[in-house]
Amino acid sequence: MVAAIIISNGSRFAGEQPASLEKLEDMLKTYSLEEWSCTRKTTRPSNGLEIIGNFKHYSHVFDIILTEPKLINKFRKLIYRNKRDTTLA
């Protein structure tokens, strides 16, 4: 099973490869998320977590479906911490 399906990750031109999950992890530790950014359960493919969002002061749109439990837990925590950290850019 694929651990992640990256629909979009980063401000890219058509045809360019999306940024890595590691890049998104770095962004979540540096920049504040837009308020509408969210996570939601998905059944496509199965029991996954879709993370959708952008950052307030840095454009880096992402839409990623995670299917591996370790990645799901990691990004849930990163997003939870990001939304509560008032020191981020």
N, C-alpha and C. Protein backbone atom coordinates (compact mmCIF):
# COMPACT_ATOMS: atom_id res chain seq x y z
N MET A 1 0.84 -1.17 0.00
CA MET A 1 0.00 0.00 0.00
C MET A 1 0.89 1.25 0.00
N VAL A 2 0.47 2.26 -0.72
CA VAL A 2 1.19 3.52 -0.77
C VAL A 2 0.97 4.27 0.55
N ALA A 3 2.04 4.82 1.12
CA ALA A 3 1.95 5.52 2.40
C ALA A 3 1.30 6.89 2.28
N ALA A 4 1.45 7.53 1.10
CA ALA A 4 0.88 8.86 0.90
C ALA A 4 0.60 9.09 -0.58
N ILE A 5 -0.52 9.75 -0.82
CA ILE A 5 -0.86 10.18 -2.17
C ILE A 5 -0.81 11.69 -2.16
N ILE A 6 0.15 12.26 -2.87
CA ILE A 6 0.32 13.71 -2.88
C ILE A 6 -0.43 14.26 -4.09
N ILE A 7 -1.55 14.92 -3.82
CA ILE A 7 -2.33 15.55 -4.87
C ILE A 7 -1.68 16.88 -5.23
N SER A 8 -1.33 17.65 -4.21
CA SER A 8 -0.55 18.87 -4.39
C SER A 8 0.25 19.12 -3.12
N ASN A 9 1.41 19.72 -3.29
CA ASN A 9 2.25 20.05 -2.14
C ASN A 9 3.27 21.10 -2.59
N GLY A 10 2.92 22.35 -2.35
CA GLY A 10 3.82 23.43 -2.70
C GLY A 10 3.34 24.21 -3.90
N SER A 11 3.82 25.42 -4.02
CA SER A 11 3.48 26.27 -5.16
C SER A 11 4.33 25.82 -6.33
N ARG A 12 3.74 25.12 -7.25
CA ARG A 12 4.46 24.56 -8.39
C ARG A 12 3.79 24.96 -9.69
N PHE A 13 4.56 24.94 -10.75
CA PHE A 13 4.01 25.16 -12.08
C PHE A 13 3.50 23.83 -12.60
N ALA A 14 2.59 23.88 -13.53
CA ALA A 14 2.03 22.66 -14.13
C ALA A 14 3.15 21.77 -14.64
N GLY A 15 3.09 20.52 -14.27
CA GLY A 15 4.06 19.54 -14.74
C GLY A 15 5.23 19.32 -13.80
N GLU A 16 5.44 20.21 -12.84
CA GLU A 16 6.54 20.02 -11.88
C GLU A 16 6.13 19.02 -10.80
N GLN A 17 7.10 18.33 -10.28
CA GLN A 17 6.86 17.38 -9.20
C GLN A 17 6.48 18.14 -7.92
N PRO A 18 5.52 17.61 -7.14
CA PRO A 18 5.20 18.26 -5.87
C PRO A 18 6.35 18.12 -4.88
N ALA A 19 6.36 18.98 -3.89
CA ALA A 19 7.38 18.92 -2.84
C ALA A 19 7.20 17.63 -2.02
N SER A 20 8.21 17.29 -1.28
CA SER A 20 8.20 16.06 -0.46
C SER A 20 7.42 16.27 0.84
N LEU A 21 7.11 15.18 1.50
CA LEU A 21 6.49 15.25 2.83
C LEU A 21 7.43 15.91 3.83
N GLU A 22 8.73 15.71 3.65
CA GLU A 22 9.72 16.32 4.53
C GLU A 22 9.67 17.85 4.41
N LYS A 23 9.46 18.35 3.20
CA LYS A 23 9.33 19.79 2.99
C LYS A 23 8.11 20.33 3.71
N LEU A 24 6.98 19.61 3.62
CA LEU A 24 5.77 20.03 4.31
C LEU A 24 6.00 20.01 5.83
N GLU A 25 6.69 19.00 6.31
CA GLU A 25 7.00 18.92 7.74
C GLU A 25 7.79 20.17 8.17
N ASP A 26 8.78 20.56 7.40
CA ASP A 26 9.56 21.76 7.70
C ASP A 26 8.68 23.01 7.70
N MET A 27 7.79 23.10 6.73
CA MET A 27 6.89 24.25 6.63
C MET A 27 5.97 24.32 7.85
N LEU A 28 5.46 23.18 8.29
CA LEU A 28 4.57 23.15 9.46
C LEU A 28 5.28 23.57 10.74
N LYS A 29 6.59 23.42 10.78
CA LYS A 29 7.37 23.82 11.94
C LYS A 29 7.81 25.29 11.88
N THR A 30 7.56 25.94 10.73
CA THR A 30 8.06 27.29 10.51
C THR A 30 6.96 28.33 10.33
N TYR A 31 5.91 27.99 9.57
CA TYR A 31 4.87 28.95 9.19
C TYR A 31 3.50 28.57 9.75
N SER A 32 2.71 29.57 10.11
CA SER A 32 1.35 29.36 10.63
C SER A 32 0.41 28.96 9.51
N LEU A 33 -0.43 27.99 9.80
CA LEU A 33 -1.44 27.55 8.84
C LEU A 33 -2.58 28.56 8.75
N GLU A 34 -3.19 28.62 7.56
CA GLU A 34 -4.45 29.35 7.40
C GLU A 34 -5.48 28.68 8.30
N GLU A 35 -6.44 29.45 8.79
CA GLU A 35 -7.44 28.90 9.70
C GLU A 35 -8.27 27.79 9.07
N TRP A 36 -8.49 27.83 7.76
CA TRP A 36 -9.33 26.82 7.10
C TRP A 36 -8.61 25.49 6.87
N SER A 37 -7.30 25.47 7.08
CA SER A 37 -6.54 24.23 6.89
C SER A 37 -7.10 23.15 7.82
N CYS A 38 -7.16 21.91 7.34
CA CYS A 38 -7.81 20.89 8.15
C CYS A 38 -7.31 19.48 7.83
N THR A 39 -7.77 18.56 8.65
CA THR A 39 -7.60 17.14 8.39
C THR A 39 -9.00 16.54 8.36
N ARG A 40 -9.15 15.47 7.59
CA ARG A 40 -10.42 14.78 7.58
C ARG A 40 -10.20 13.32 7.19
N LYS A 41 -11.02 12.47 7.78
CA LYS A 41 -10.93 11.05 7.44
C LYS A 41 -11.38 10.86 6.01
N THR A 42 -10.79 9.89 5.37
CA THR A 42 -11.18 9.58 4.00
C THR A 42 -11.25 8.07 3.82
N THR A 43 -12.11 7.65 2.96
CA THR A 43 -12.21 6.23 2.64
C THR A 43 -11.57 5.94 1.29
N ARG A 44 -10.95 6.95 0.72
CA ARG A 44 -10.25 6.75 -0.54
C ARG A 44 -8.77 6.95 -0.31
N PRO A 45 -7.96 6.00 -0.26
CA PRO A 45 -8.20 4.59 -0.53
C PRO A 45 -8.89 3.87 0.62
N SER A 46 -8.35 3.85 1.83
CA SER A 46 -9.05 3.18 2.92
C SER A 46 -8.53 3.67 4.26
N ASN A 47 -9.45 4.10 5.11
CA ASN A 47 -9.12 4.56 6.45
C ASN A 47 -7.92 5.50 6.49
N GLY A 48 -7.86 6.38 5.54
CA GLY A 48 -6.77 7.34 5.48
C GLY A 48 -7.13 8.65 6.13
N LEU A 49 -6.21 9.58 6.05
CA LEU A 49 -6.41 10.93 6.56
C LEU A 49 -5.98 11.89 5.45
N GLU A 50 -6.88 12.78 5.08
CA GLU A 50 -6.54 13.79 4.09
C GLU A 50 -6.20 15.08 4.82
N ILE A 51 -5.07 15.67 4.47
CA ILE A 51 -4.68 16.95 5.05
C ILE A 51 -4.69 17.98 3.92
N ILE A 52 -5.36 19.09 4.20
CA ILE A 52 -5.58 20.12 3.19
C ILE A 52 -5.26 21.46 3.82
N GLY A 53 -4.54 22.32 3.09
CA GLY A 53 -4.32 23.64 3.65
C GLY A 53 -3.34 24.50 2.89
N ASN A 54 -3.02 25.61 3.54
CA ASN A 54 -2.04 26.57 3.06
C ASN A 54 -1.55 27.35 4.28
N PHE A 55 -0.58 28.18 4.09
CA PHE A 55 0.01 28.94 5.18
C PHE A 55 -0.38 30.42 5.07
N LYS A 56 -0.46 31.10 6.20
CA LYS A 56 -0.91 32.48 6.24
C LYS A 56 0.00 33.42 5.46
N HIS A 57 1.30 33.31 5.66
CA HIS A 57 2.24 34.29 5.10
C HIS A 57 3.21 33.69 4.09
N TYR A 58 2.93 32.48 3.65
CA TYR A 58 3.79 31.82 2.67
C TYR A 58 2.93 30.86 1.88
N SER A 59 2.86 31.04 0.59
CA SER A 59 2.00 30.17 -0.22
C SER A 59 2.65 28.81 -0.46
N HIS A 60 2.00 27.79 0.04
CA HIS A 60 2.46 26.41 -0.12
C HIS A 60 1.23 25.52 0.07
N VAL A 61 0.37 25.50 -0.92
CA VAL A 61 -0.88 24.75 -0.86
C VAL A 61 -0.58 23.25 -0.83
N PHE A 62 -1.32 22.53 0.01
CA PHE A 62 -1.14 21.08 0.06
C PHE A 62 -2.47 20.35 0.18
N ASP A 63 -2.52 19.20 -0.44
CA ASP A 63 -3.65 18.28 -0.37
C ASP A 63 -3.04 16.88 -0.48
N ILE A 64 -2.99 16.19 0.64
CA ILE A 64 -2.28 14.91 0.71
C ILE A 64 -3.15 13.90 1.44
N ILE A 65 -3.20 12.69 0.91
CA ILE A 65 -3.91 11.60 1.58
C ILE A 65 -2.86 10.67 2.17
N LEU A 66 -2.92 10.51 3.47
CA LEU A 66 -2.00 9.63 4.19
C LEU A 66 -2.71 8.32 4.51
N THR A 67 -2.01 7.21 4.34
CA THR A 67 -2.62 5.91 4.62
C THR A 67 -1.85 5.10 5.66
N GLU A 68 -0.62 5.47 5.93
CA GLU A 68 0.20 4.75 6.89
C GLU A 68 -0.02 5.33 8.29
N PRO A 69 -0.38 4.50 9.28
CA PRO A 69 -0.67 5.00 10.63
C PRO A 69 0.42 5.89 11.22
N LYS A 70 1.69 5.57 11.01
CA LYS A 70 2.77 6.40 11.57
C LYS A 70 2.75 7.81 10.97
N LEU A 71 2.53 7.89 9.66
CA LEU A 71 2.46 9.20 9.01
C LEU A 71 1.22 9.97 9.44
N ILE A 72 0.11 9.27 9.57
CA ILE A 72 -1.13 9.91 10.02
C ILE A 72 -0.91 10.54 11.39
N ASN A 73 -0.37 9.79 12.32
CA ASN A 73 -0.12 10.31 13.67
C ASN A 73 0.87 11.47 13.66
N LYS A 74 1.93 11.34 12.87
CA LYS A 74 2.95 12.39 12.79
C LYS A 74 2.35 13.70 12.30
N PHE A 75 1.59 13.67 11.21
CA PHE A 75 1.05 14.90 10.66
C PHE A 75 -0.13 15.44 11.46
N ARG A 76 -0.88 14.59 12.12
CA ARG A 76 -1.92 15.09 13.05
C ARG A 76 -1.26 15.91 14.15
N LYS A 77 -0.19 15.40 14.71
CA LYS A 77 0.52 16.12 15.77
C LYS A 77 1.13 17.42 15.26
N LEU A 78 1.75 17.37 14.08
CA LEU A 78 2.36 18.58 13.51
C LEU A 78 1.31 19.67 13.28
N ILE A 79 0.16 19.30 12.76
CA ILE A 79 -0.89 20.28 12.49
C ILE A 79 -1.49 20.79 13.80
N TYR A 80 -1.69 19.91 14.76
CA TYR A 80 -2.21 20.31 16.08
C TYR A 80 -1.27 21.33 16.72
N ARG A 81 0.03 21.03 16.72
CA ARG A 81 1.01 21.94 17.31
C ARG A 81 1.07 23.26 16.56
N ASN A 82 1.02 23.18 15.22
CA ASN A 82 1.09 24.39 14.41
C ASN A 82 -0.05 25.34 14.74
N LYS A 83 -1.25 24.81 14.87
CA LYS A 83 -2.41 25.66 15.11
C LYS A 83 -2.41 26.28 16.50
N ARG A 84 -1.59 25.78 17.40
CA ARG A 84 -1.53 26.30 18.76
C ARG A 84 -0.28 27.14 19.03
N ASP A 85 0.66 27.13 18.12
CA ASP A 85 1.92 27.85 18.31
C ASP A 85 1.79 29.28 17.80
N THR A 86 1.82 30.24 18.70
CA THR A 86 1.67 31.65 18.32
C THR A 86 3.00 32.30 17.93
N THR A 87 4.11 31.54 17.96
CA THR A 87 5.41 32.12 17.64
C THR A 87 5.81 31.89 16.18
N LEU A 88 5.01 31.15 15.43
CA LEU A 88 5.36 30.85 14.04
C LEU A 88 5.13 32.06 13.14
N ALA A 89 5.87 32.11 12.04
CA ALA A 89 5.74 33.22 11.08
C ALA A 89 4.40 33.17 10.38
